[in-house]
Amino acid sequence: MSVVTPGRRPAFAPIGRLRSSPLSGGKKSGFVSLNLTPMVDMFTILVVFLIQLFKASGEVQLSSKITVPRSLAGEPLEGEAGTVVQVSADLLLLEGQSFSEEEMGSELDVSIPGMVARLTKVREVNEKIFGRDPTMPYDGVLIVQADLATDFRLVRRIIASSNEAGWAKMKFVTQPAATGKPEAAE
């Protein structure tokens, strides 16, 4: 085997050609190509996500089984998100979930035990997610949609349940006397 003097040997052919190029001399060019298709796709998904997340006004979805009372003194729900309770003579829903007879307790109870447990759980989850100042009361909003024919004793039990679970703010959905848009009265 013959002895060869060591010299520059590129790892593979393109590197050798880049080094010997008369135009660039192995230096990187300042021009960078940008593939716009993935970037446009990403921004489209981001815009769709933000549109779905955005809520311009606090419009309340009313159940067809509930006829809310009319009120002259009420304020529109402006961007208020809250936990919704729907009440009628034969219906009690918290965020769309009904209560069993055991969760309702007896009519002699001041509060509804199942509602206290569920509201406490919702409050604890929200406090873990958003954090809370221990010196301040919980600032979650409970939005009550009570039917016009609902017995006030049931509404009073809902109020007692929310207070027992630590909810300080409650809003009752009403229809304004002049128009047909839902509003909330505190």
N, C-alpha and C. Protein backbone atom coordinates (compact mmCIF):
# COMPACT_ATOMS: atom_id res chain seq x y z
N MET A 1 0.84 -1.16 0.00
CA MET A 1 0.00 0.00 0.00
C MET A 1 0.89 1.23 0.00
N SER A 2 0.50 2.18 -0.80
CA SER A 2 1.34 3.36 -0.95
C SER A 2 0.99 4.39 0.11
N VAL A 3 1.96 5.18 0.43
CA VAL A 3 1.78 6.23 1.43
C VAL A 3 1.34 7.49 0.71
N VAL A 4 0.26 8.11 1.23
CA VAL A 4 -0.32 9.31 0.62
C VAL A 4 -0.24 10.41 1.64
N THR A 5 0.12 11.59 1.19
CA THR A 5 0.16 12.72 2.11
C THR A 5 -1.26 13.13 2.46
N PRO A 6 -1.50 13.40 3.74
CA PRO A 6 -2.86 13.79 4.14
C PRO A 6 -3.24 15.13 3.55
N GLY A 7 -4.51 15.26 3.28
CA GLY A 7 -5.04 16.51 2.73
C GLY A 7 -6.52 16.63 3.07
N ARG A 8 -7.13 17.64 2.53
CA ARG A 8 -8.55 17.85 2.81
C ARG A 8 -9.37 16.82 2.06
N ARG A 9 -10.22 16.15 2.76
CA ARG A 9 -11.13 15.19 2.15
C ARG A 9 -12.52 15.43 2.71
N PRO A 10 -13.45 15.88 1.89
CA PRO A 10 -14.81 16.14 2.38
C PRO A 10 -15.50 14.84 2.77
N ALA A 11 -16.45 14.95 3.70
CA ALA A 11 -17.19 13.78 4.16
C ALA A 11 -18.04 13.21 3.05
N PHE A 12 -18.64 14.07 2.26
CA PHE A 12 -19.37 13.61 1.07
C PHE A 12 -19.27 14.69 0.02
N ALA A 13 -19.60 14.34 -1.18
CA ALA A 13 -19.32 15.16 -2.35
C ALA A 13 -19.89 16.58 -2.29
N PRO A 14 -21.12 16.82 -1.86
CA PRO A 14 -21.64 18.20 -1.91
C PRO A 14 -20.83 19.18 -1.09
N ILE A 15 -20.27 18.75 0.03
CA ILE A 15 -19.50 19.68 0.84
C ILE A 15 -18.28 20.16 0.06
N GLY A 16 -17.63 19.23 -0.64
CA GLY A 16 -16.48 19.61 -1.44
C GLY A 16 -16.85 20.60 -2.53
N ARG A 17 -17.99 20.41 -3.16
CA ARG A 17 -18.41 21.33 -4.20
C ARG A 17 -18.77 22.69 -3.63
N LEU A 18 -19.39 22.73 -2.44
CA LEU A 18 -19.73 24.01 -1.83
C LEU A 18 -18.47 24.81 -1.50
N ARG A 19 -17.45 24.13 -1.02
CA ARG A 19 -16.22 24.83 -0.65
C ARG A 19 -15.50 25.36 -1.88
N SER A 20 -15.64 24.66 -2.95
CA SER A 20 -14.91 25.09 -4.15
C SER A 20 -15.74 25.98 -5.06
N SER A 21 -16.95 26.37 -4.62
CA SER A 21 -17.82 27.19 -5.45
C SER A 21 -17.21 28.58 -5.63
N PRO A 22 -17.14 29.07 -6.85
CA PRO A 22 -16.54 30.39 -7.06
C PRO A 22 -17.44 31.53 -6.59
N LEU A 23 -18.79 31.28 -6.48
CA LEU A 23 -19.70 32.37 -6.10
C LEU A 23 -19.77 32.58 -4.60
N SER A 24 -19.96 31.53 -3.85
CA SER A 24 -20.16 31.72 -2.42
C SER A 24 -18.94 31.38 -1.59
N GLY A 25 -18.11 30.54 -2.08
CA GLY A 25 -16.89 30.20 -1.36
C GLY A 25 -17.18 29.46 -0.06
N GLY A 26 -18.30 28.74 0.05
CA GLY A 26 -18.63 27.99 1.24
C GLY A 26 -19.39 28.76 2.29
N LYS A 27 -19.66 30.03 2.03
CA LYS A 27 -20.40 30.84 3.00
C LYS A 27 -21.89 30.64 2.81
N LYS A 28 -22.66 30.84 3.89
CA LYS A 28 -24.11 30.69 3.82
C LYS A 28 -24.71 31.91 3.14
N SER A 29 -25.76 31.66 2.39
CA SER A 29 -26.41 32.79 1.72
C SER A 29 -27.35 33.49 2.69
N GLY A 30 -27.66 34.72 2.46
CA GLY A 30 -28.55 35.50 3.31
C GLY A 30 -30.02 35.28 3.00
N PHE A 31 -30.34 34.60 1.92
CA PHE A 31 -31.72 34.37 1.52
C PHE A 31 -32.23 33.09 2.17
N VAL A 32 -33.37 33.21 2.85
CA VAL A 32 -33.99 32.05 3.49
C VAL A 32 -35.38 31.91 2.91
N SER A 33 -35.69 30.74 2.42
CA SER A 33 -37.05 30.52 1.89
C SER A 33 -37.95 30.13 3.04
N LEU A 34 -39.18 30.63 3.00
CA LEU A 34 -40.14 30.39 4.06
C LEU A 34 -41.35 29.69 3.45
N ASN A 35 -41.69 28.55 4.01
CA ASN A 35 -42.83 27.81 3.52
C ASN A 35 -44.09 28.39 4.18
N LEU A 36 -44.92 29.06 3.43
CA LEU A 36 -46.07 29.77 3.98
C LEU A 36 -47.28 28.88 4.25
N THR A 37 -47.40 27.77 3.59
CA THR A 37 -48.59 26.92 3.75
C THR A 37 -48.79 26.46 5.19
N PRO A 38 -47.79 25.90 5.89
CA PRO A 38 -48.03 25.50 7.28
C PRO A 38 -48.33 26.70 8.19
N MET A 39 -47.71 27.84 7.91
CA MET A 39 -47.96 29.00 8.75
C MET A 39 -49.40 29.50 8.57
N VAL A 40 -49.91 29.53 7.33
CA VAL A 40 -51.29 29.94 7.09
C VAL A 40 -52.25 28.95 7.74
N ASP A 41 -51.96 27.65 7.66
CA ASP A 41 -52.79 26.64 8.31
C ASP A 41 -52.84 26.86 9.82
N MET A 42 -51.69 27.13 10.41
CA MET A 42 -51.63 27.34 11.86
C MET A 42 -52.45 28.57 12.26
N PHE A 43 -52.32 29.67 11.54
CA PHE A 43 -53.08 30.87 11.87
C PHE A 43 -54.58 30.67 11.64
N THR A 44 -54.95 29.89 10.64
CA THR A 44 -56.37 29.60 10.42
C THR A 44 -56.95 28.83 11.59
N ILE A 45 -56.24 27.83 12.07
CA ILE A 45 -56.70 27.06 13.23
C ILE A 45 -56.77 27.95 14.46
N LEU A 46 -55.81 28.82 14.64
CA LEU A 46 -55.80 29.73 15.78
C LEU A 46 -57.00 30.68 15.73
N VAL A 47 -57.31 31.22 14.57
CA VAL A 47 -58.45 32.13 14.42
C VAL A 47 -59.76 31.40 14.70
N VAL A 48 -59.92 30.18 14.17
CA VAL A 48 -61.14 29.41 14.42
C VAL A 48 -61.27 29.11 15.91
N PHE A 49 -60.18 28.76 16.57
CA PHE A 49 -60.22 28.49 18.00
C PHE A 49 -60.65 29.73 18.79
N LEU A 50 -60.08 30.88 18.45
CA LEU A 50 -60.42 32.11 19.17
C LEU A 50 -61.86 32.53 18.91
N ILE A 51 -62.37 32.32 17.71
CA ILE A 51 -63.76 32.66 17.41
C ILE A 51 -64.70 31.78 18.22
N GLN A 52 -64.39 30.50 18.35
CA GLN A 52 -65.24 29.61 19.14
C GLN A 52 -65.17 29.94 20.61
N LEU A 53 -64.03 30.40 21.07
CA LEU A 53 -63.85 30.71 22.48
C LEU A 53 -64.46 32.06 22.87
N PHE A 54 -64.48 32.99 21.94
CA PHE A 54 -64.93 34.35 22.21
C PHE A 54 -66.44 34.39 22.41
N LYS A 55 -66.86 35.13 23.44
CA LYS A 55 -68.28 35.28 23.72
C LYS A 55 -68.54 36.77 23.89
N ALA A 56 -69.21 37.38 22.92
CA ALA A 56 -69.38 38.83 22.92
C ALA A 56 -70.33 39.29 24.01
N SER A 57 -71.40 38.60 24.21
CA SER A 57 -72.33 38.99 25.27
C SER A 57 -72.81 37.73 25.97
N GLY A 58 -73.30 37.91 27.17
CA GLY A 58 -73.74 36.78 27.96
C GLY A 58 -75.13 36.31 27.60
N GLU A 59 -75.30 35.84 26.39
CA GLU A 59 -76.60 35.33 26.00
C GLU A 59 -76.83 34.00 26.70
N VAL A 60 -78.02 33.84 27.25
CA VAL A 60 -78.35 32.65 28.00
C VAL A 60 -79.24 31.76 27.15
N GLN A 61 -78.88 30.49 27.08
CA GLN A 61 -79.70 29.53 26.36
C GLN A 61 -80.85 29.12 27.27
N LEU A 62 -82.05 29.51 26.89
CA LEU A 62 -83.22 29.18 27.70
C LEU A 62 -83.78 27.84 27.29
N SER A 63 -84.21 27.08 28.27
CA SER A 63 -84.85 25.80 28.00
C SER A 63 -86.28 26.05 27.52
N SER A 64 -86.78 25.17 26.66
CA SER A 64 -88.15 25.34 26.17
C SER A 64 -89.18 25.05 27.26
N LYS A 65 -88.77 24.35 28.33
CA LYS A 65 -89.68 24.03 29.44
C LYS A 65 -89.78 25.15 30.46
N ILE A 66 -88.94 26.16 30.34
CA ILE A 66 -88.89 27.22 31.36
C ILE A 66 -89.40 28.53 30.77
N THR A 67 -90.35 29.14 31.47
CA THR A 67 -90.83 30.48 31.14
C THR A 67 -90.35 31.40 32.25
N VAL A 68 -89.35 32.23 31.94
CA VAL A 68 -88.79 33.10 32.97
C VAL A 68 -89.69 34.31 33.18
N PRO A 69 -89.71 34.86 34.39
CA PRO A 69 -90.56 36.03 34.67
C PRO A 69 -90.07 37.28 33.96
N ARG A 70 -90.94 38.26 33.83
CA ARG A 70 -90.60 39.55 33.24
C ARG A 70 -90.19 40.51 34.35
N SER A 71 -89.27 41.42 33.99
CA SER A 71 -88.76 42.35 34.98
C SER A 71 -88.49 43.70 34.33
N LEU A 72 -88.78 44.76 35.06
CA LEU A 72 -88.44 46.11 34.60
C LEU A 72 -87.02 46.49 35.02
N ALA A 73 -86.59 45.98 36.17
CA ALA A 73 -85.26 46.31 36.70
C ALA A 73 -84.35 45.11 36.51
N GLY A 74 -83.60 45.12 35.44
CA GLY A 74 -82.65 44.05 35.18
C GLY A 74 -81.54 44.57 34.30
N GLU A 75 -80.40 43.93 34.41
CA GLU A 75 -79.25 44.33 33.60
C GLU A 75 -78.89 43.19 32.67
N PRO A 76 -78.51 43.51 31.44
CA PRO A 76 -78.10 42.44 30.53
C PRO A 76 -76.83 41.75 31.03
N LEU A 77 -76.72 40.46 30.75
CA LEU A 77 -75.51 39.74 31.09
C LEU A 77 -74.43 40.16 30.10
N GLU A 78 -73.43 40.83 30.57
CA GLU A 78 -72.34 41.32 29.71
C GLU A 78 -71.10 40.48 29.95
N GLY A 79 -70.88 39.50 29.10
CA GLY A 79 -69.67 38.70 29.19
C GLY A 79 -69.56 37.87 30.45
N GLU A 80 -70.64 37.68 31.17
CA GLU A 80 -70.62 36.91 32.40
C GLU A 80 -70.74 35.43 32.06
N ALA A 81 -69.77 34.68 32.45
CA ALA A 81 -69.86 33.23 32.34
C ALA A 81 -70.10 32.71 33.75
N GLY A 82 -70.95 31.74 33.86
CA GLY A 82 -71.23 31.21 35.18
C GLY A 82 -71.80 29.82 35.08
N THR A 83 -72.07 29.26 36.23
CA THR A 83 -72.68 27.95 36.34
C THR A 83 -74.18 28.14 36.27
N VAL A 84 -74.84 27.38 35.40
CA VAL A 84 -76.27 27.58 35.15
C VAL A 84 -77.09 26.54 35.89
N VAL A 85 -78.12 27.02 36.60
CA VAL A 85 -79.10 26.16 37.27
C VAL A 85 -80.44 26.42 36.62
N GLN A 86 -81.10 25.36 36.16
CA GLN A 86 -82.42 25.48 35.56
C GLN A 86 -83.43 24.83 36.49
N VAL A 87 -84.52 25.58 36.80
CA VAL A 87 -85.51 25.11 37.76
C VAL A 87 -86.90 25.29 37.18
N SER A 88 -87.68 24.24 37.26
CA SER A 88 -89.11 24.34 36.98
C SER A 88 -89.81 23.38 37.94
N ALA A 89 -91.12 23.22 37.78
CA ALA A 89 -91.87 22.38 38.70
C ALA A 89 -91.39 20.92 38.67
N ASP A 90 -91.00 20.41 37.51
CA ASP A 90 -90.58 19.01 37.39
C ASP A 90 -89.13 18.86 36.95
N LEU A 91 -88.33 19.91 37.03
CA LEU A 91 -86.98 19.89 36.49
C LEU A 91 -86.04 20.68 37.38
N LEU A 92 -84.90 20.08 37.71
CA LEU A 92 -83.82 20.80 38.39
C LEU A 92 -82.52 20.30 37.79
N LEU A 93 -81.84 21.19 37.07
CA LEU A 93 -80.61 20.84 36.39
C LEU A 93 -79.49 21.78 36.82
N LEU A 94 -78.32 21.21 37.05
CA LEU A 94 -77.12 21.99 37.30
C LEU A 94 -76.16 21.67 36.18
N GLU A 95 -75.88 22.66 35.30
CA GLU A 95 -75.04 22.47 34.13
C GLU A 95 -75.54 21.30 33.28
N GLY A 96 -76.86 21.17 33.16
CA GLY A 96 -77.45 20.15 32.29
C GLY A 96 -77.61 18.79 32.92
N GLN A 97 -77.21 18.60 34.18
CA GLN A 97 -77.31 17.30 34.84
C GLN A 97 -78.39 17.36 35.91
N SER A 98 -79.26 16.35 35.90
CA SER A 98 -80.36 16.32 36.86
C SER A 98 -79.90 15.72 38.19
N PHE A 99 -80.78 15.79 39.18
CA PHE A 99 -80.50 15.29 40.52
C PHE A 99 -81.38 14.09 40.81
N SER A 100 -80.84 13.11 41.53
CA SER A 100 -81.64 11.96 41.96
C SER A 100 -82.43 12.37 43.20
N GLU A 101 -83.36 11.50 43.61
CA GLU A 101 -84.18 11.80 44.79
C GLU A 101 -83.33 11.86 46.05
N GLU A 102 -82.29 11.01 46.12
CA GLU A 102 -81.41 11.03 47.29
C GLU A 102 -80.63 12.33 47.37
N GLU A 103 -80.20 12.85 46.20
CA GLU A 103 -79.46 14.11 46.18
C GLU A 103 -80.36 15.30 46.54
N MET A 104 -81.64 15.20 46.24
CA MET A 104 -82.57 16.29 46.56
C MET A 104 -82.82 16.40 48.05
N GLY A 105 -82.73 15.30 48.79
CA GLY A 105 -83.03 15.33 50.22
C GLY A 105 -84.52 15.47 50.44
N SER A 106 -84.89 15.75 51.66
CA SER A 106 -86.32 15.93 51.95
C SER A 106 -86.70 17.40 51.78
N GLU A 107 -87.99 17.65 51.66
CA GLU A 107 -88.45 19.03 51.48
C GLU A 107 -88.28 19.85 52.75
N LEU A 108 -88.03 19.19 53.87
CA LEU A 108 -87.83 19.90 55.12
C LEU A 108 -86.40 20.42 55.27
N ASP A 109 -85.49 19.89 54.45
CA ASP A 109 -84.10 20.37 54.50
C ASP A 109 -84.03 21.82 54.04
N VAL A 110 -83.10 22.56 54.62
CA VAL A 110 -82.90 23.94 54.22
C VAL A 110 -82.24 24.02 52.86
N SER A 111 -81.30 23.13 52.60
CA SER A 111 -80.59 23.14 51.32
C SER A 111 -80.76 21.79 50.63
N ILE A 112 -80.23 21.71 49.41
CA ILE A 112 -80.27 20.47 48.63
C ILE A 112 -78.88 19.84 48.73
N PRO A 113 -78.74 18.70 49.42
CA PRO A 113 -77.41 18.13 49.67
C PRO A 113 -76.61 17.83 48.39
N GLY A 114 -77.26 17.30 47.39
CA GLY A 114 -76.56 16.99 46.13
C GLY A 114 -76.04 18.24 45.44
N MET A 115 -76.83 19.32 45.49
CA MET A 115 -76.41 20.57 44.87
C MET A 115 -75.24 21.18 45.63
N VAL A 116 -75.26 21.08 46.95
CA VAL A 116 -74.15 21.60 47.75
C VAL A 116 -72.86 20.88 47.37
N ALA A 117 -72.96 19.55 47.24
CA ALA A 117 -71.76 18.77 46.90
C ALA A 117 -71.24 19.13 45.51
N ARG A 118 -72.15 19.23 44.53
CA ARG A 118 -71.71 19.54 43.16
C ARG A 118 -71.16 20.96 43.05
N LEU A 119 -71.81 21.93 43.69
CA LEU A 119 -71.32 23.31 43.63
C LEU A 119 -69.98 23.45 44.34
N THR A 120 -69.80 22.72 45.44
CA THR A 120 -68.52 22.75 46.14
C THR A 120 -67.42 22.18 45.24
N LYS A 121 -67.74 21.10 44.53
CA LYS A 121 -66.75 20.49 43.63
C LYS A 121 -66.40 21.44 42.49
N VAL A 122 -67.39 22.11 41.90
CA VAL A 122 -67.14 23.07 40.81
C VAL A 122 -66.29 24.23 41.33
N ARG A 123 -66.61 24.72 42.52
CA ARG A 123 -65.84 25.83 43.11
C ARG A 123 -64.40 25.42 43.36
N GLU A 124 -64.16 24.22 43.89
CA GLU A 124 -62.80 23.77 44.17
C GLU A 124 -61.99 23.60 42.89
N VAL A 125 -62.63 23.07 41.85
CA VAL A 125 -61.93 22.91 40.56
C VAL A 125 -61.56 24.27 40.00
N ASN A 126 -62.50 25.22 40.03
CA ASN A 126 -62.21 26.57 39.52
C ASN A 126 -61.13 27.26 40.34
N GLU A 127 -61.12 27.04 41.65
CA GLU A 127 -60.08 27.65 42.48
C GLU A 127 -58.71 27.07 42.17
N LYS A 128 -58.66 25.77 41.86
CA LYS A 128 -57.37 25.16 41.50
C LYS A 128 -56.89 25.69 40.16
N ILE A 129 -57.81 25.87 39.22
CA ILE A 129 -57.42 26.31 37.88
C ILE A 129 -57.02 27.79 37.90
N PHE A 130 -57.87 28.65 38.45
CA PHE A 130 -57.66 30.09 38.37
C PHE A 130 -56.99 30.67 39.60
N GLY A 131 -56.88 29.92 40.66
CA GLY A 131 -56.30 30.44 41.89
C GLY A 131 -57.29 31.35 42.60
N ARG A 132 -57.05 31.58 43.88
CA ARG A 132 -57.97 32.42 44.63
C ARG A 132 -57.23 33.05 45.80
N ASP A 133 -57.58 34.29 46.07
CA ASP A 133 -57.05 34.99 47.24
C ASP A 133 -57.82 34.48 48.46
N PRO A 134 -57.14 33.86 49.44
CA PRO A 134 -57.86 33.29 50.58
C PRO A 134 -58.59 34.33 51.44
N THR A 135 -58.22 35.60 51.31
CA THR A 135 -58.90 36.62 52.11
C THR A 135 -60.21 37.08 51.47
N MET A 136 -60.42 36.70 50.19
CA MET A 136 -61.61 37.13 49.46
C MET A 136 -62.57 35.95 49.29
N PRO A 137 -63.88 36.22 49.25
CA PRO A 137 -64.83 35.14 48.99
C PRO A 137 -64.72 34.67 47.54
N TYR A 138 -65.23 33.48 47.27
CA TYR A 138 -65.22 32.94 45.91
C TYR A 138 -66.08 33.83 45.03
N ASP A 139 -65.57 34.17 43.83
CA ASP A 139 -66.29 35.13 42.98
C ASP A 139 -67.00 34.50 41.79
N GLY A 140 -67.28 33.20 41.86
CA GLY A 140 -68.02 32.54 40.78
C GLY A 140 -69.46 33.02 40.74
N VAL A 141 -70.07 32.97 39.57
CA VAL A 141 -71.45 33.43 39.39
C VAL A 141 -72.34 32.24 39.13
N LEU A 142 -73.43 32.16 39.89
CA LEU A 142 -74.44 31.14 39.69
C LEU A 142 -75.62 31.79 38.99
N ILE A 143 -75.95 31.32 37.79
CA ILE A 143 -77.03 31.89 37.00
C ILE A 143 -78.24 30.97 37.14
N VAL A 144 -79.32 31.49 37.72
CA VAL A 144 -80.51 30.70 37.99
C VAL A 144 -81.59 31.04 36.97
N GLN A 145 -82.06 30.02 36.28
CA GLN A 145 -83.19 30.15 35.35
C GLN A 145 -84.38 29.46 36.01
N ALA A 146 -85.21 30.23 36.67
CA ALA A 146 -86.36 29.67 37.38
C ALA A 146 -87.63 29.92 36.58
N ASP A 147 -88.45 28.87 36.47
CA ASP A 147 -89.72 28.98 35.77
C ASP A 147 -90.67 29.86 36.57
N LEU A 148 -91.57 30.50 35.86
CA LEU A 148 -92.53 31.40 36.49
C LEU A 148 -93.42 30.66 37.50
N ALA A 149 -93.72 29.39 37.23
CA ALA A 149 -94.62 28.62 38.10
C ALA A 149 -93.89 27.84 39.18
N THR A 150 -92.58 28.03 39.32
CA THR A 150 -91.81 27.28 40.32
C THR A 150 -92.13 27.79 41.72
N ASP A 151 -92.28 26.84 42.64
CA ASP A 151 -92.53 27.18 44.03
C ASP A 151 -91.28 27.87 44.61
N PHE A 152 -91.50 28.97 45.33
CA PHE A 152 -90.37 29.74 45.84
C PHE A 152 -89.58 28.95 46.88
N ARG A 153 -90.21 27.98 47.55
CA ARG A 153 -89.47 27.19 48.53
C ARG A 153 -88.31 26.44 47.88
N LEU A 154 -88.51 25.97 46.64
CA LEU A 154 -87.43 25.29 45.92
C LEU A 154 -86.33 26.29 45.54
N VAL A 155 -86.73 27.47 45.11
CA VAL A 155 -85.73 28.51 44.78
C VAL A 155 -84.97 28.92 46.04
N ARG A 156 -85.66 29.00 47.15
CA ARG A 156 -85.01 29.34 48.42
C ARG A 156 -84.01 28.25 48.82
N ARG A 157 -84.33 26.98 48.57
CA ARG A 157 -83.40 25.89 48.86
C ARG A 157 -82.17 25.98 47.96
N ILE A 158 -82.35 26.41 46.72
CA ILE A 158 -81.21 26.58 45.80
C ILE A 158 -80.31 27.70 46.30
N ILE A 159 -80.91 28.78 46.76
CA ILE A 159 -80.13 29.91 47.30
C ILE A 159 -79.34 29.45 48.53
N ALA A 160 -79.98 28.70 49.41
CA ALA A 160 -79.30 28.19 50.61
C ALA A 160 -78.18 27.22 50.23
N SER A 161 -78.40 26.40 49.21
CA SER A 161 -77.37 25.45 48.76
C SER A 161 -76.15 26.18 48.22
N SER A 162 -76.40 27.23 47.44
CA SER A 162 -75.27 27.97 46.88
C SER A 162 -74.49 28.69 47.98
N ASN A 163 -75.19 29.24 48.96
CA ASN A 163 -74.49 29.89 50.07
C ASN A 163 -73.68 28.88 50.88
N GLU A 164 -74.24 27.71 51.09
CA GLU A 164 -73.54 26.68 51.86
C GLU A 164 -72.30 26.18 51.12
N ALA A 165 -72.37 26.18 49.78
CA ALA A 165 -71.23 25.72 48.97
C ALA A 165 -70.18 26.82 48.78
N GLY A 166 -70.45 28.03 49.24
CA GLY A 166 -69.46 29.11 49.18
C GLY A 166 -69.61 30.04 48.00
N TRP A 167 -70.72 30.00 47.29
CA TRP A 167 -70.96 30.88 46.15
C TRP A 167 -71.59 32.17 46.67
N ALA A 168 -70.98 33.30 46.35
CA ALA A 168 -71.47 34.58 46.85
C ALA A 168 -72.36 35.30 45.84
N LYS A 169 -72.11 35.11 44.54
CA LYS A 169 -72.86 35.84 43.51
C LYS A 169 -73.91 34.94 42.88
N MET A 170 -75.13 35.46 42.79
CA MET A 170 -76.21 34.76 42.10
C MET A 170 -76.91 35.75 41.19
N LYS A 171 -77.30 35.28 40.02
CA LYS A 171 -78.08 36.11 39.10
C LYS A 171 -79.27 35.29 38.66
N PHE A 172 -80.43 35.95 38.59
CA PHE A 172 -81.66 35.31 38.16
C PHE A 172 -82.00 35.81 36.76
N VAL A 173 -82.25 34.89 35.86
CA VAL A 173 -82.56 35.25 34.48
C VAL A 173 -84.02 35.69 34.41
N THR A 174 -84.23 36.87 33.79
CA THR A 174 -85.58 37.40 33.59
C THR A 174 -85.70 37.90 32.16
N GLN A 175 -86.93 38.09 31.73
CA GLN A 175 -87.20 38.71 30.44
C GLN A 175 -87.49 40.18 30.70
N PRO A 176 -86.92 41.08 29.91
CA PRO A 176 -87.28 42.49 30.09
C PRO A 176 -88.74 42.70 29.70
N ALA A 177 -89.36 43.64 30.34
CA ALA A 177 -90.78 43.90 30.10
C ALA A 177 -91.02 44.42 28.69
N ALA A 178 -90.07 45.15 28.11
CA ALA A 178 -90.28 45.76 26.79
C ALA A 178 -89.84 44.85 25.64
N THR A 179 -88.71 44.14 25.78
CA THR A 179 -88.19 43.32 24.69
C THR A 179 -88.17 41.87 25.10
N GLY A 180 -87.73 41.01 24.20
CA GLY A 180 -87.72 39.58 24.47
C GLY A 180 -86.35 38.99 24.75
N LYS A 181 -85.31 39.83 25.01
CA LYS A 181 -83.97 39.31 25.28
C LYS A 181 -83.84 38.96 26.76
N PRO A 182 -83.16 37.84 27.09
CA PRO A 182 -82.95 37.48 28.49
C PRO A 182 -82.00 38.44 29.17
N GLU A 183 -82.29 38.74 30.41
CA GLU A 183 -81.43 39.60 31.23
C GLU A 183 -81.24 38.91 32.57
N ALA A 184 -80.37 39.45 33.38
CA ALA A 184 -80.13 38.89 34.71
C ALA A 184 -80.40 39.96 35.75
N ALA A 185 -81.10 39.56 36.78
CA ALA A 185 -81.34 40.44 37.91
C ALA A 185 -80.59 39.87 39.09
N GLU A 186 -79.90 40.72 39.81
CA GLU A 186 -79.12 40.24 40.97
C GLU A 186 -79.99 40.23 42.20
